[in-house]
Amino acid sequence: MKTYEYYINIDERGEFCSDVRDENNKTIAEFRCVEEFREDGFGDLRSINDVNEYLISIGILKSDDNLVWG
């Protein structure tokens, strides 16, 4: 089991940027468009649970990994 951190770097005036970092502070996933994420059926990038489910579904995280706010 590993712990990953989720950071929302920008969320204002229509701009959004977030990333997920591993235990070595290396970015393993980056997101730029809230609307595309929603339109693709994955929920909301402002929800750590939705991001966690998405990363598990595409094989980046394992189901026993932890995703926490950074």
N, C-alpha and C. Protein backbone atom coordinates (compact mmCIF):
# COMPACT_ATOMS: atom_id res chain seq x y z
N MET A 1 0.84 -1.18 0.00
CA MET A 1 0.00 0.00 0.00
C MET A 1 0.89 1.24 0.00
N LYS A 2 0.56 2.18 -0.87
CA LYS A 2 1.28 3.44 -0.97
C LYS A 2 0.33 4.60 -0.71
N THR A 3 0.90 5.73 -0.33
CA THR A 3 0.11 6.94 -0.13
C THR A 3 0.52 7.97 -1.18
N TYR A 4 -0.49 8.53 -1.82
CA TYR A 4 -0.29 9.56 -2.83
C TYR A 4 -1.00 10.83 -2.37
N GLU A 5 -0.50 11.97 -2.82
CA GLU A 5 -1.10 13.25 -2.44
C GLU A 5 -1.71 13.93 -3.65
N TYR A 6 -2.89 14.51 -3.44
CA TYR A 6 -3.61 15.22 -4.49
C TYR A 6 -3.57 16.71 -4.19
N TYR A 7 -3.10 17.48 -5.17
CA TYR A 7 -2.97 18.93 -5.03
C TYR A 7 -3.83 19.63 -6.08
N ILE A 8 -4.63 20.58 -5.65
CA ILE A 8 -5.30 21.49 -6.58
C ILE A 8 -4.45 22.75 -6.57
N ASN A 9 -3.79 22.99 -7.68
CA ASN A 9 -2.84 24.09 -7.78
C ASN A 9 -3.50 25.41 -8.19
N ILE A 10 -4.47 25.33 -9.10
CA ILE A 10 -5.21 26.51 -9.55
C ILE A 10 -6.67 26.12 -9.69
N ASP A 11 -7.55 26.93 -9.13
CA ASP A 11 -8.99 26.74 -9.30
C ASP A 11 -9.67 28.11 -9.17
N GLU A 12 -9.54 28.91 -10.22
CA GLU A 12 -10.15 30.23 -10.20
C GLU A 12 -10.34 30.77 -11.61
N ARG A 13 -11.39 31.55 -11.76
CA ARG A 13 -11.68 32.24 -13.03
C ARG A 13 -11.62 31.33 -14.25
N GLY A 14 -12.17 30.14 -14.11
CA GLY A 14 -12.21 29.22 -15.23
C GLY A 14 -10.95 28.42 -15.46
N GLU A 15 -9.92 28.69 -14.70
CA GLU A 15 -8.68 27.93 -14.82
C GLU A 15 -8.64 26.84 -13.75
N PHE A 16 -8.11 25.69 -14.14
CA PHE A 16 -7.98 24.58 -13.19
C PHE A 16 -6.72 23.80 -13.51
N CYS A 17 -5.99 23.44 -12.49
CA CYS A 17 -4.82 22.59 -12.65
C CYS A 17 -4.62 21.83 -11.34
N SER A 18 -4.50 20.52 -11.46
CA SER A 18 -4.24 19.70 -10.27
C SER A 18 -3.30 18.57 -10.64
N ASP A 19 -2.70 17.97 -9.60
CA ASP A 19 -1.83 16.83 -9.87
C ASP A 19 -1.80 15.88 -8.68
N VAL A 20 -1.37 14.66 -8.98
CA VAL A 20 -1.21 13.62 -7.97
C VAL A 20 0.28 13.30 -7.90
N ARG A 21 0.81 13.25 -6.68
CA ARG A 21 2.25 13.01 -6.48
C ARG A 21 2.46 11.75 -5.65
N ASP A 22 3.53 11.05 -6.00
CA ASP A 22 3.87 9.84 -5.25
C ASP A 22 4.66 10.19 -3.99
N GLU A 23 5.12 9.16 -3.30
CA GLU A 23 5.83 9.35 -2.03
C GLU A 23 7.16 10.08 -2.18
N ASN A 24 7.67 10.16 -3.41
CA ASN A 24 8.92 10.88 -3.70
C ASN A 24 8.66 12.28 -4.25
N ASN A 25 7.40 12.73 -4.16
CA ASN A 25 6.96 14.03 -4.63
C ASN A 25 7.03 14.15 -6.16
N LYS A 26 7.01 13.03 -6.86
CA LYS A 26 7.01 13.00 -8.32
C LYS A 26 5.56 12.99 -8.81
N THR A 27 5.26 13.87 -9.77
CA THR A 27 3.91 13.93 -10.33
C THR A 27 3.65 12.68 -11.17
N ILE A 28 2.56 11.98 -10.84
CA ILE A 28 2.20 10.77 -11.58
C ILE A 28 0.95 10.96 -12.43
N ALA A 29 0.20 12.04 -12.17
CA ALA A 29 -0.99 12.36 -12.96
C ALA A 29 -1.24 13.85 -12.85
N GLU A 30 -1.71 14.43 -13.96
CA GLU A 30 -1.99 15.86 -13.97
C GLU A 30 -3.31 16.09 -14.68
N PHE A 31 -4.10 17.03 -14.15
CA PHE A 31 -5.41 17.33 -14.71
C PHE A 31 -5.52 18.82 -14.97
N ARG A 32 -6.14 19.16 -16.10
CA ARG A 32 -6.26 20.58 -16.47
C ARG A 32 -7.68 21.02 -16.78
N CYS A 33 -8.60 20.11 -17.00
CA CYS A 33 -9.94 20.53 -17.44
C CYS A 33 -11.03 19.79 -16.66
N VAL A 34 -11.68 20.53 -15.78
CA VAL A 34 -12.77 19.97 -14.97
C VAL A 34 -13.90 19.48 -15.86
N GLU A 35 -14.26 20.25 -16.87
CA GLU A 35 -15.39 19.91 -17.72
C GLU A 35 -15.14 18.62 -18.52
N GLU A 36 -13.96 18.44 -19.06
CA GLU A 36 -13.65 17.20 -19.80
C GLU A 36 -13.75 15.99 -18.89
N PHE A 37 -13.25 16.11 -17.68
CA PHE A 37 -13.30 15.02 -16.71
C PHE A 37 -14.76 14.64 -16.45
N ARG A 38 -15.60 15.64 -16.24
CA ARG A 38 -17.03 15.41 -16.01
C ARG A 38 -17.70 14.79 -17.22
N GLU A 39 -17.43 15.38 -18.39
CA GLU A 39 -18.05 14.90 -19.63
C GLU A 39 -17.66 13.45 -19.92
N ASP A 40 -16.48 13.06 -19.51
CA ASP A 40 -16.05 11.67 -19.71
C ASP A 40 -16.65 10.73 -18.67
N GLY A 41 -17.48 11.27 -17.77
CA GLY A 41 -18.20 10.45 -16.80
C GLY A 41 -17.45 10.13 -15.53
N PHE A 42 -16.42 10.90 -15.21
CA PHE A 42 -15.61 10.58 -14.04
C PHE A 42 -15.91 11.41 -12.82
N GLY A 43 -16.90 12.28 -12.85
CA GLY A 43 -17.26 13.05 -11.67
C GLY A 43 -16.60 14.41 -11.66
N ASP A 44 -16.01 14.76 -10.52
CA ASP A 44 -15.51 16.11 -10.31
C ASP A 44 -14.05 16.08 -9.83
N LEU A 45 -13.20 16.84 -10.48
CA LEU A 45 -11.79 16.90 -10.08
C LEU A 45 -11.59 17.57 -8.73
N ARG A 46 -12.62 18.21 -8.21
CA ARG A 46 -12.52 18.81 -6.87
C ARG A 46 -12.84 17.79 -5.78
N SER A 47 -13.23 16.59 -6.19
CA SER A 47 -13.56 15.51 -5.26
C SER A 47 -12.42 14.49 -5.24
N ILE A 48 -11.78 14.37 -4.11
CA ILE A 48 -10.67 13.42 -4.00
C ILE A 48 -11.15 11.98 -4.23
N ASN A 49 -12.39 11.69 -3.86
CA ASN A 49 -12.92 10.34 -4.08
C ASN A 49 -13.10 10.04 -5.56
N ASP A 50 -13.59 11.04 -6.33
CA ASP A 50 -13.75 10.84 -7.78
C ASP A 50 -12.39 10.66 -8.46
N VAL A 51 -11.41 11.44 -8.05
CA VAL A 51 -10.07 11.32 -8.63
C VAL A 51 -9.48 9.95 -8.28
N ASN A 52 -9.66 9.53 -7.04
CA ASN A 52 -9.16 8.22 -6.60
C ASN A 52 -9.78 7.10 -7.43
N GLU A 53 -11.10 7.13 -7.60
CA GLU A 53 -11.78 6.10 -8.38
C GLU A 53 -11.28 6.08 -9.82
N TYR A 54 -11.09 7.26 -10.40
CA TYR A 54 -10.59 7.35 -11.77
C TYR A 54 -9.20 6.74 -11.89
N LEU A 55 -8.30 7.11 -10.98
CA LEU A 55 -6.93 6.60 -11.06
C LEU A 55 -6.86 5.09 -10.85
N ILE A 56 -7.74 4.55 -10.05
CA ILE A 56 -7.82 3.10 -9.88
C ILE A 56 -8.33 2.47 -11.18
N SER A 57 -9.35 3.09 -11.78
CA SER A 57 -9.95 2.51 -12.99
C SER A 57 -8.99 2.46 -14.17
N ILE A 58 -8.01 3.38 -14.22
CA ILE A 58 -7.05 3.37 -15.33
C ILE A 58 -5.73 2.71 -14.94
N GLY A 59 -5.66 2.17 -13.73
CA GLY A 59 -4.51 1.39 -13.33
C GLY A 59 -3.32 2.16 -12.76
N ILE A 60 -3.49 3.44 -12.50
CA ILE A 60 -2.39 4.20 -11.91
C ILE A 60 -2.26 3.91 -10.41
N LEU A 61 -3.40 3.84 -9.73
CA LEU A 61 -3.41 3.47 -8.31
C LEU A 61 -3.99 2.07 -8.15
N LYS A 62 -3.60 1.41 -7.09
CA LYS A 62 -4.20 0.13 -6.73
C LYS A 62 -5.30 0.39 -5.72
N SER A 63 -6.24 -0.53 -5.61
CA SER A 63 -7.39 -0.31 -4.74
C SER A 63 -7.02 -0.16 -3.26
N ASP A 64 -5.84 -0.66 -2.86
CA ASP A 64 -5.46 -0.51 -1.45
C ASP A 64 -4.53 0.69 -1.21
N ASP A 65 -4.24 1.46 -2.27
CA ASP A 65 -3.45 2.69 -2.10
C ASP A 65 -4.31 3.78 -1.47
N ASN A 66 -3.65 4.75 -0.86
CA ASN A 66 -4.34 5.88 -0.24
C ASN A 66 -4.08 7.14 -1.06
N LEU A 67 -5.12 7.90 -1.29
CA LEU A 67 -4.99 9.22 -1.91
C LEU A 67 -5.47 10.24 -0.88
N VAL A 68 -4.60 11.15 -0.53
CA VAL A 68 -4.90 12.16 0.50
C VAL A 68 -4.67 13.54 -0.07
N TRP A 69 -5.23 14.54 0.56
CA TRP A 69 -5.00 15.92 0.13
C TRP A 69 -3.57 16.31 0.45
N GLY A 70 -2.94 16.98 -0.49
CA GLY A 70 -1.58 17.46 -0.30
C GLY A 70 -1.55 18.87 0.22
